[in-house]
N, C-alpha and C. Protein backbone atom coordinates (compact mmCIF):
# COMPACT_ATOMS: atom_id res chain seq x y z
N MET A 1 98.19 93.30 83.52
CA MET A 1 97.92 93.47 82.13
C MET A 1 96.82 94.51 81.92
N GLU A 2 95.95 94.59 82.89
CA GLU A 2 94.88 95.59 82.81
C GLU A 2 95.47 97.00 82.87
N LEU A 3 96.53 97.18 83.66
CA LEU A 3 97.19 98.48 83.73
C LEU A 3 97.90 98.82 82.42
N TYR A 4 98.50 97.81 81.79
CA TYR A 4 99.14 98.03 80.48
C TYR A 4 98.10 98.49 79.46
N LYS A 5 96.96 97.84 79.47
CA LYS A 5 95.89 98.19 78.52
C LYS A 5 95.42 99.63 78.75
N GLU A 6 95.28 100.02 80.01
CA GLU A 6 94.87 101.39 80.32
C GLU A 6 95.93 102.39 79.88
N ALA A 7 97.21 102.08 80.09
CA ALA A 7 98.29 102.97 79.68
C ALA A 7 98.30 103.16 78.16
N LEU A 8 98.09 102.07 77.43
CA LEU A 8 98.04 102.17 75.96
C LEU A 8 96.85 103.00 75.51
N THR A 9 95.71 102.80 76.14
CA THR A 9 94.52 103.57 75.79
C THR A 9 94.74 105.06 76.03
N LEU A 10 95.38 105.40 77.16
CA LEU A 10 95.66 106.81 77.44
C LEU A 10 96.67 107.38 76.45
N HIS A 11 97.66 106.58 76.08
CA HIS A 11 98.70 107.04 75.16
C HIS A 11 98.17 107.26 73.75
N TYR A 12 97.42 106.30 73.24
CA TYR A 12 96.94 106.38 71.85
C TYR A 12 95.58 107.04 71.71
N GLY A 13 94.92 107.30 72.81
CA GLY A 13 93.63 107.98 72.75
C GLY A 13 92.49 107.01 72.98
N PRO A 14 91.37 107.52 73.53
CA PRO A 14 90.24 106.66 73.89
C PRO A 14 89.60 105.94 72.72
N GLY A 15 89.68 106.47 71.51
CA GLY A 15 89.05 105.82 70.36
C GLY A 15 89.90 104.74 69.72
N SER A 16 91.15 104.59 70.17
CA SER A 16 92.04 103.62 69.53
C SER A 16 91.70 102.19 69.95
N LYS A 17 91.96 101.26 69.05
CA LYS A 17 91.70 99.84 69.33
C LYS A 17 93.01 99.18 69.74
N ILE A 18 93.03 98.60 70.91
CA ILE A 18 94.21 97.89 71.41
C ILE A 18 94.07 96.43 71.02
N ALA A 19 95.03 95.92 70.27
CA ALA A 19 94.96 94.53 69.80
C ALA A 19 95.07 93.55 70.95
N GLY A 20 95.85 93.87 71.95
CA GLY A 20 96.02 92.99 73.10
C GLY A 20 97.22 93.42 73.91
N VAL A 21 97.32 92.88 75.09
CA VAL A 21 98.45 93.16 75.96
C VAL A 21 99.02 91.84 76.46
N ALA A 22 100.30 91.89 76.85
CA ALA A 22 100.96 90.68 77.33
C ALA A 22 102.13 91.07 78.22
N TYR A 23 102.63 90.11 78.96
CA TYR A 23 103.78 90.31 79.83
C TYR A 23 104.80 89.23 79.50
N TYR A 24 106.02 89.64 79.18
CA TYR A 24 107.06 88.67 78.83
C TYR A 24 107.96 88.43 80.02
N LEU A 25 108.09 87.18 80.44
CA LEU A 25 108.94 86.80 81.55
C LEU A 25 110.23 86.21 80.97
N PHE A 26 111.30 87.00 80.99
CA PHE A 26 112.56 86.62 80.34
C PHE A 26 113.15 85.30 80.84
N PRO A 27 113.24 85.06 82.16
CA PRO A 27 113.85 83.80 82.59
C PRO A 27 113.13 82.56 82.05
N LYS A 28 111.83 82.65 81.87
CA LYS A 28 111.06 81.51 81.36
C LYS A 28 110.86 81.57 79.85
N MET A 29 111.30 82.68 79.23
CA MET A 29 111.13 82.89 77.79
C MET A 29 109.68 82.63 77.37
N THR A 30 108.76 83.22 78.14
CA THR A 30 107.33 82.99 77.92
C THR A 30 106.57 84.30 77.95
N LEU A 31 105.65 84.45 77.01
CA LEU A 31 104.76 85.60 76.95
C LEU A 31 103.43 85.20 77.58
N TYR A 32 102.99 85.95 78.59
CA TYR A 32 101.72 85.68 79.27
C TYR A 32 100.69 86.68 78.78
N THR A 33 99.53 86.19 78.35
CA THR A 33 98.51 87.07 77.80
C THR A 33 97.12 86.46 77.94
N VAL A 34 96.11 87.33 77.92
CA VAL A 34 94.72 86.86 77.86
C VAL A 34 94.16 87.10 76.47
N ASP A 35 94.93 87.80 75.64
CA ASP A 35 94.43 88.23 74.34
C ASP A 35 94.89 87.42 73.13
N PHE A 36 95.93 86.64 73.26
CA PHE A 36 96.47 85.90 72.12
C PHE A 36 96.42 84.40 72.36
N PRO A 37 96.33 83.60 71.30
CA PRO A 37 96.26 82.14 71.47
C PRO A 37 97.59 81.55 71.96
N GLU A 38 97.50 80.40 72.59
CA GLU A 38 98.67 79.73 73.14
C GLU A 38 99.52 79.13 72.03
N SER A 39 100.85 79.14 72.26
CA SER A 39 101.79 78.50 71.34
C SER A 39 103.02 78.07 72.15
N ASP A 40 104.12 77.76 71.48
CA ASP A 40 105.31 77.28 72.18
C ASP A 40 105.80 78.23 73.26
N HIS A 41 105.81 79.53 72.99
CA HIS A 41 106.32 80.50 73.95
C HIS A 41 105.28 81.52 74.39
N ILE A 42 104.03 81.22 74.14
CA ILE A 42 102.93 82.08 74.59
C ILE A 42 102.03 81.27 75.50
N TYR A 43 101.83 81.78 76.72
CA TYR A 43 100.93 81.12 77.66
C TYR A 43 99.65 81.94 77.72
N HIS A 44 98.56 81.33 77.33
CA HIS A 44 97.27 82.01 77.35
C HIS A 44 96.66 81.87 78.75
N VAL A 45 96.51 82.99 79.43
CA VAL A 45 95.95 83.00 80.78
C VAL A 45 94.44 82.98 80.65
N GLN A 46 93.81 82.00 81.28
CA GLN A 46 92.35 81.88 81.25
C GLN A 46 91.75 82.79 82.32
N ARG A 47 90.80 83.59 81.92
CA ARG A 47 90.07 84.40 82.89
C ARG A 47 89.01 83.54 83.55
N LYS A 48 88.79 83.79 84.83
CA LYS A 48 87.73 83.09 85.54
C LYS A 48 86.39 83.64 85.05
N THR A 49 85.42 82.78 84.87
CA THR A 49 84.13 83.23 84.35
C THR A 49 83.45 84.22 85.30
N GLU A 50 83.70 84.09 86.60
CA GLU A 50 83.09 85.04 87.54
C GLU A 50 83.74 86.42 87.45
N ASP A 51 84.90 86.51 86.80
CA ASP A 51 85.58 87.81 86.64
C ASP A 51 85.07 88.59 85.45
N ASP A 52 84.27 87.99 84.60
CA ASP A 52 83.79 88.68 83.39
C ASP A 52 82.98 89.93 83.71
N ASN A 53 82.26 89.92 84.81
CA ASN A 53 81.40 91.06 85.16
C ASN A 53 82.11 92.07 86.06
N ARG A 54 83.36 91.79 86.41
CA ARG A 54 84.10 92.70 87.28
C ARG A 54 84.71 93.84 86.47
N THR A 55 84.86 94.99 87.11
CA THR A 55 85.58 96.10 86.50
C THR A 55 86.95 96.16 87.18
N LEU A 56 87.86 95.35 86.68
CA LEU A 56 89.16 95.16 87.31
C LEU A 56 89.92 96.47 87.47
N LEU A 57 89.92 97.30 86.46
CA LEU A 57 90.66 98.56 86.54
C LEU A 57 90.12 99.44 87.66
N ASN A 58 88.79 99.50 87.81
CA ASN A 58 88.21 100.29 88.90
C ASN A 58 88.59 99.73 90.26
N GLU A 59 88.63 98.40 90.39
CA GLU A 59 89.04 97.78 91.65
C GLU A 59 90.49 98.15 91.98
N ILE A 60 91.34 98.14 90.97
CA ILE A 60 92.75 98.50 91.18
C ILE A 60 92.86 99.97 91.61
N LYS A 61 92.15 100.85 90.93
CA LYS A 61 92.18 102.28 91.28
C LYS A 61 91.67 102.51 92.70
N ASN A 62 90.54 101.88 93.04
CA ASN A 62 89.97 102.05 94.38
C ASN A 62 90.92 101.53 95.45
N SER A 63 91.57 100.41 95.17
CA SER A 63 92.51 99.84 96.13
C SER A 63 93.71 100.75 96.31
N TYR A 64 94.18 101.33 95.21
CA TYR A 64 95.31 102.27 95.29
C TYR A 64 94.92 103.47 96.17
N VAL A 65 93.74 104.04 95.92
CA VAL A 65 93.30 105.20 96.70
C VAL A 65 93.18 104.83 98.18
N TYR A 66 92.65 103.64 98.47
CA TYR A 66 92.50 103.19 99.86
C TYR A 66 93.86 103.08 100.54
N ARG A 67 94.81 102.39 99.90
CA ARG A 67 96.14 102.19 100.50
C ARG A 67 96.92 103.50 100.56
N ARG A 68 96.77 104.36 99.56
CA ARG A 68 97.46 105.65 99.56
C ARG A 68 96.98 106.51 100.73
N SER A 69 95.66 106.50 100.98
CA SER A 69 95.13 107.29 102.10
C SER A 69 95.63 106.74 103.43
N GLU A 70 95.83 105.43 103.52
CA GLU A 70 96.43 104.84 104.73
C GLU A 70 97.83 105.41 104.95
N LEU A 71 98.64 105.39 103.90
CA LEU A 71 100.01 105.90 104.00
C LEU A 71 100.02 107.39 104.34
N ASP A 72 99.10 108.15 103.75
CA ASP A 72 99.02 109.58 104.04
C ASP A 72 98.69 109.84 105.51
N ARG A 73 97.94 108.91 106.12
CA ARG A 73 97.62 109.03 107.56
C ARG A 73 98.73 108.46 108.44
N GLY A 74 99.77 107.90 107.81
CA GLY A 74 100.89 107.32 108.57
C GLY A 74 100.59 105.93 109.07
N GLU A 75 99.71 105.21 108.41
CA GLU A 75 99.34 103.86 108.84
C GLU A 75 99.75 102.83 107.80
N ILE A 76 100.07 101.64 108.28
CA ILE A 76 100.28 100.49 107.40
C ILE A 76 99.53 99.33 108.05
N GLU A 77 98.57 98.79 107.34
CA GLU A 77 97.78 97.69 107.88
C GLU A 77 98.64 96.42 107.92
N GLU A 78 98.78 95.85 109.09
CA GLU A 78 99.51 94.59 109.24
C GLU A 78 98.46 93.50 109.42
N SER A 79 98.35 92.62 108.44
CA SER A 79 97.28 91.63 108.50
C SER A 79 97.74 90.24 108.10
N GLU A 80 99.04 90.01 108.13
CA GLU A 80 99.53 88.69 107.78
C GLU A 80 98.93 87.63 108.70
N LEU A 81 98.52 86.52 108.10
CA LEU A 81 97.98 85.37 108.82
C LEU A 81 96.73 85.74 109.63
N THR A 82 95.96 86.70 109.12
CA THR A 82 94.71 87.13 109.75
C THR A 82 93.56 86.66 108.88
N GLU A 83 92.42 86.37 109.50
CA GLU A 83 91.25 85.97 108.73
C GLU A 83 90.85 87.13 107.81
N ILE A 84 90.66 86.82 106.53
CA ILE A 84 90.37 87.85 105.53
C ILE A 84 89.13 88.65 105.90
N ASP A 85 88.10 88.00 106.44
CA ASP A 85 86.86 88.69 106.77
C ASP A 85 87.02 89.70 107.90
N LYS A 86 88.13 89.64 108.66
CA LYS A 86 88.32 90.54 109.80
C LYS A 86 89.33 91.66 109.50
N ILE A 87 89.86 91.71 108.29
CA ILE A 87 90.84 92.73 107.92
C ILE A 87 90.11 94.02 107.54
N ALA A 88 90.62 95.14 107.99
CA ALA A 88 89.97 96.44 107.72
C ALA A 88 89.79 96.68 106.23
N TYR A 89 90.75 96.27 105.42
CA TYR A 89 90.66 96.44 103.97
C TYR A 89 89.44 95.72 103.41
N THR A 90 89.19 94.49 103.87
CA THR A 90 88.04 93.73 103.42
C THR A 90 86.74 94.37 103.91
N LEU A 91 86.74 94.84 105.13
CA LEU A 91 85.55 95.47 105.69
C LEU A 91 85.22 96.79 104.99
N ALA A 92 86.22 97.46 104.40
CA ALA A 92 86.00 98.73 103.70
C ALA A 92 85.44 98.52 102.30
N ASN A 93 85.41 97.29 101.83
CA ASN A 93 84.92 96.99 100.47
C ASN A 93 83.41 97.21 100.41
N ASP A 94 82.96 97.98 99.41
CA ASP A 94 81.52 98.15 99.23
C ASP A 94 81.18 98.12 97.75
N ALA A 95 79.92 98.04 97.44
CA ALA A 95 79.46 97.88 96.06
C ALA A 95 79.75 99.11 95.21
N ASP A 96 79.70 100.31 95.82
CA ASP A 96 79.94 101.54 95.06
C ASP A 96 81.41 101.71 94.68
N LYS A 97 82.31 101.30 95.57
CA LYS A 97 83.75 101.40 95.31
C LYS A 97 84.39 100.06 95.65
N PRO A 98 84.26 99.07 94.77
CA PRO A 98 84.83 97.76 95.07
C PRO A 98 86.35 97.79 95.08
N LEU A 99 86.94 97.05 96.03
CA LEU A 99 88.40 96.94 96.13
C LEU A 99 88.85 95.62 95.53
N PHE A 100 90.09 95.58 95.05
CA PHE A 100 90.64 94.34 94.52
C PHE A 100 90.73 93.34 95.66
N PRO A 101 90.14 92.14 95.52
CA PRO A 101 90.08 91.21 96.65
C PRO A 101 91.44 90.64 97.03
N LEU A 102 91.60 90.34 98.32
CA LEU A 102 92.80 89.70 98.83
C LEU A 102 92.74 88.21 98.54
N GLU A 103 93.88 87.61 98.32
CA GLU A 103 93.95 86.17 98.06
C GLU A 103 94.05 85.41 99.38
N PRO A 104 93.29 84.33 99.53
CA PRO A 104 93.42 83.52 100.75
C PRO A 104 94.69 82.68 100.72
N ASP A 105 95.12 82.26 101.89
CA ASP A 105 96.26 81.37 102.04
C ASP A 105 95.92 80.04 101.38
N TYR A 106 96.90 79.38 100.79
CA TYR A 106 96.66 78.15 100.05
C TYR A 106 96.09 77.03 100.92
N SER A 107 96.57 76.91 102.14
CA SER A 107 96.15 75.78 102.96
C SER A 107 95.09 76.12 104.00
N HIS A 108 94.88 77.40 104.27
CA HIS A 108 93.89 77.81 105.28
C HIS A 108 92.94 78.80 104.64
N ASN A 109 92.08 78.41 103.81
CA ASN A 109 91.29 79.26 102.93
C ASN A 109 90.64 80.48 103.55
N ILE A 110 90.78 80.69 104.86
CA ILE A 110 90.19 81.88 105.46
C ILE A 110 91.25 82.93 105.82
N LEU A 111 92.53 82.54 105.81
CA LEU A 111 93.59 83.48 106.17
C LEU A 111 94.09 84.21 104.94
N LYS A 112 94.60 85.43 105.15
CA LYS A 112 95.17 86.20 104.05
C LYS A 112 96.40 85.46 103.52
N GLY A 113 96.55 85.42 102.22
CA GLY A 113 97.69 84.77 101.59
C GLY A 113 98.99 85.38 102.04
N SER A 114 100.02 84.57 102.16
CA SER A 114 101.28 85.01 102.70
C SER A 114 102.41 84.24 102.02
N PRO A 115 103.02 84.81 100.99
CA PRO A 115 104.01 84.05 100.22
C PRO A 115 105.30 83.73 100.96
N TYR A 116 105.66 84.51 101.98
CA TYR A 116 106.95 84.30 102.64
C TYR A 116 106.84 83.67 104.01
N VAL A 117 105.66 83.68 104.61
CA VAL A 117 105.50 83.21 105.98
C VAL A 117 104.67 81.94 105.99
N LYS A 118 105.16 80.92 106.68
CA LYS A 118 104.43 79.67 106.77
C LYS A 118 103.83 79.56 108.16
N VAL A 119 102.57 79.14 108.23
CA VAL A 119 101.87 79.06 109.50
C VAL A 119 102.41 77.93 110.37
N ASP A 120 102.89 76.87 109.74
CA ASP A 120 103.33 75.71 110.50
C ASP A 120 104.73 75.86 111.08
N LYS A 121 105.39 77.00 110.86
CA LYS A 121 106.72 77.23 111.39
C LYS A 121 106.64 78.31 112.46
N PRO A 122 107.53 78.25 113.46
CA PRO A 122 107.49 79.27 114.52
C PRO A 122 107.91 80.63 114.00
N PRO A 123 107.57 81.70 114.72
CA PRO A 123 108.01 83.03 114.31
C PRO A 123 109.53 83.08 114.21
N PHE A 124 110.03 84.02 113.45
CA PHE A 124 111.47 84.16 113.29
C PHE A 124 112.12 84.32 114.65
N ILE A 125 113.15 83.56 114.91
CA ILE A 125 113.85 83.65 116.18
C ILE A 125 115.28 83.19 115.97
N LYS A 126 116.19 83.85 116.61
CA LYS A 126 117.59 83.45 116.52
C LYS A 126 117.83 82.44 117.64
N LYS A 127 118.57 81.38 117.34
CA LYS A 127 118.80 80.35 118.35
C LYS A 127 119.68 80.87 119.48
N SER A 128 120.65 81.65 119.12
CA SER A 128 121.46 82.27 120.17
C SER A 128 121.82 83.66 119.71
N GLY A 129 122.15 84.47 120.64
CA GLY A 129 122.50 85.84 120.30
C GLY A 129 122.89 86.56 121.57
N TRP A 130 122.95 87.85 121.49
CA TRP A 130 123.28 88.62 122.67
C TRP A 130 122.27 89.74 122.83
N LYS A 131 122.13 90.16 124.04
CA LYS A 131 121.33 91.35 124.32
C LYS A 131 121.88 91.98 125.58
N LYS A 132 121.56 93.25 125.76
CA LYS A 132 122.05 93.97 126.94
C LYS A 132 121.10 93.77 128.11
N SER A 133 121.68 93.67 129.27
CA SER A 133 120.87 93.58 130.48
C SER A 133 120.17 94.92 130.69
N PRO A 134 118.87 94.92 130.97
CA PRO A 134 118.16 96.19 131.16
C PRO A 134 118.61 96.95 132.41
N THR A 135 119.14 96.24 133.39
CA THR A 135 119.53 96.92 134.62
C THR A 135 120.99 97.36 134.62
N THR A 136 121.91 96.47 134.22
CA THR A 136 123.34 96.81 134.29
C THR A 136 123.91 97.28 132.96
N GLY A 137 123.27 96.95 131.85
CA GLY A 137 123.78 97.35 130.54
C GLY A 137 124.86 96.42 130.00
N GLU A 138 125.23 95.39 130.79
CA GLU A 138 126.26 94.48 130.30
C GLU A 138 125.68 93.53 129.25
N ILE A 139 126.55 93.02 128.38
CA ILE A 139 126.11 92.13 127.31
C ILE A 139 125.94 90.73 127.85
N LEU A 140 124.78 90.16 127.62
CA LEU A 140 124.48 88.80 128.04
C LEU A 140 124.60 87.90 126.82
N ALA A 141 125.56 87.02 126.80
CA ALA A 141 125.79 86.16 125.64
C ALA A 141 124.85 84.97 125.66
N ASN A 142 124.62 84.40 124.47
CA ASN A 142 123.82 83.19 124.29
C ASN A 142 122.43 83.29 124.92
N GLN A 143 121.81 84.43 124.80
CA GLN A 143 120.45 84.61 125.27
C GLN A 143 119.50 84.53 124.09
N GLU A 144 118.29 84.08 124.35
CA GLU A 144 117.29 84.03 123.27
C GLU A 144 116.91 85.45 122.89
N VAL A 145 116.98 85.75 121.62
CA VAL A 145 116.65 87.08 121.13
C VAL A 145 115.13 87.18 120.99
N ILE A 146 114.59 88.36 121.15
CA ILE A 146 113.14 88.59 121.09
C ILE A 146 112.58 88.08 119.77
N LYS A 147 111.44 87.42 119.85
CA LYS A 147 110.78 86.93 118.65
C LYS A 147 110.28 88.12 117.83
N GLU A 148 110.38 88.00 116.52
CA GLU A 148 109.94 89.07 115.63
C GLU A 148 108.55 88.77 115.11
N ILE A 149 107.81 89.81 114.74
CA ILE A 149 106.49 89.66 114.15
C ILE A 149 106.64 89.08 112.75
N LYS A 150 105.82 88.11 112.40
CA LYS A 150 105.85 87.55 111.06
C LYS A 150 105.41 88.61 110.06
N THR A 151 106.07 88.65 108.91
CA THR A 151 105.70 89.59 107.87
C THR A 151 106.03 89.03 106.51
N THR A 152 105.22 89.38 105.51
CA THR A 152 105.51 88.96 104.15
C THR A 152 106.36 90.00 103.44
N HIS A 153 106.56 91.15 104.05
CA HIS A 153 107.30 92.22 103.41
C HIS A 153 108.79 92.04 103.67
N PRO A 154 109.58 91.64 102.65
CA PRO A 154 110.99 91.36 102.86
C PRO A 154 111.77 92.56 103.40
N ILE A 155 111.37 93.77 103.04
CA ILE A 155 112.10 94.94 103.50
C ILE A 155 111.90 95.15 105.00
N LEU A 156 110.80 94.61 105.57
CA LEU A 156 110.53 94.77 106.99
C LEU A 156 111.04 93.62 107.84
N LYS A 157 111.52 92.54 107.21
CA LYS A 157 111.99 91.39 107.99
C LYS A 157 113.13 91.82 108.90
N GLY A 158 113.04 91.41 110.14
CA GLY A 158 114.07 91.75 111.12
C GLY A 158 113.90 93.14 111.71
N ARG A 159 112.87 93.86 111.31
CA ARG A 159 112.68 95.23 111.79
C ARG A 159 111.42 95.38 112.66
N LEU A 160 110.51 94.41 112.59
CA LEU A 160 109.29 94.48 113.39
C LEU A 160 109.45 93.65 114.65
N VAL A 161 109.21 94.24 115.78
CA VAL A 161 109.33 93.51 117.04
C VAL A 161 108.07 93.69 117.84
């Protein structure tokens, strides 16, 4: 919603007054907002009191610049199920250029949040499959396939080994 507000400000000019911003989720037929009162189809999102002093838009911009520079260098930080305090992104956070904070995992408050990967389940593995013998090249049936690296990125599932 902060990005919507910035887009409106840029479109209408810096002196314009924005009445409020919201996000409409069609499947739930609900409007989510921090600017309008709650009603039957409007959900008023409460801001955390500790967020009042944050400059959310600057954190978003700084985080974008940080991640964009990673991609420009040909790097992608893989930090699923890693302690947040040990992730390079967290270590790069400083007072002059604050980054948008990472969310901790729901059950392990020190690990990076991971919506698709559960810690209590084994890494992705196929129960049976085939692979080629490294020496003869023949197909070996019903062999355990190599375990894949856990990832929250659906586009990378089955591609990281």
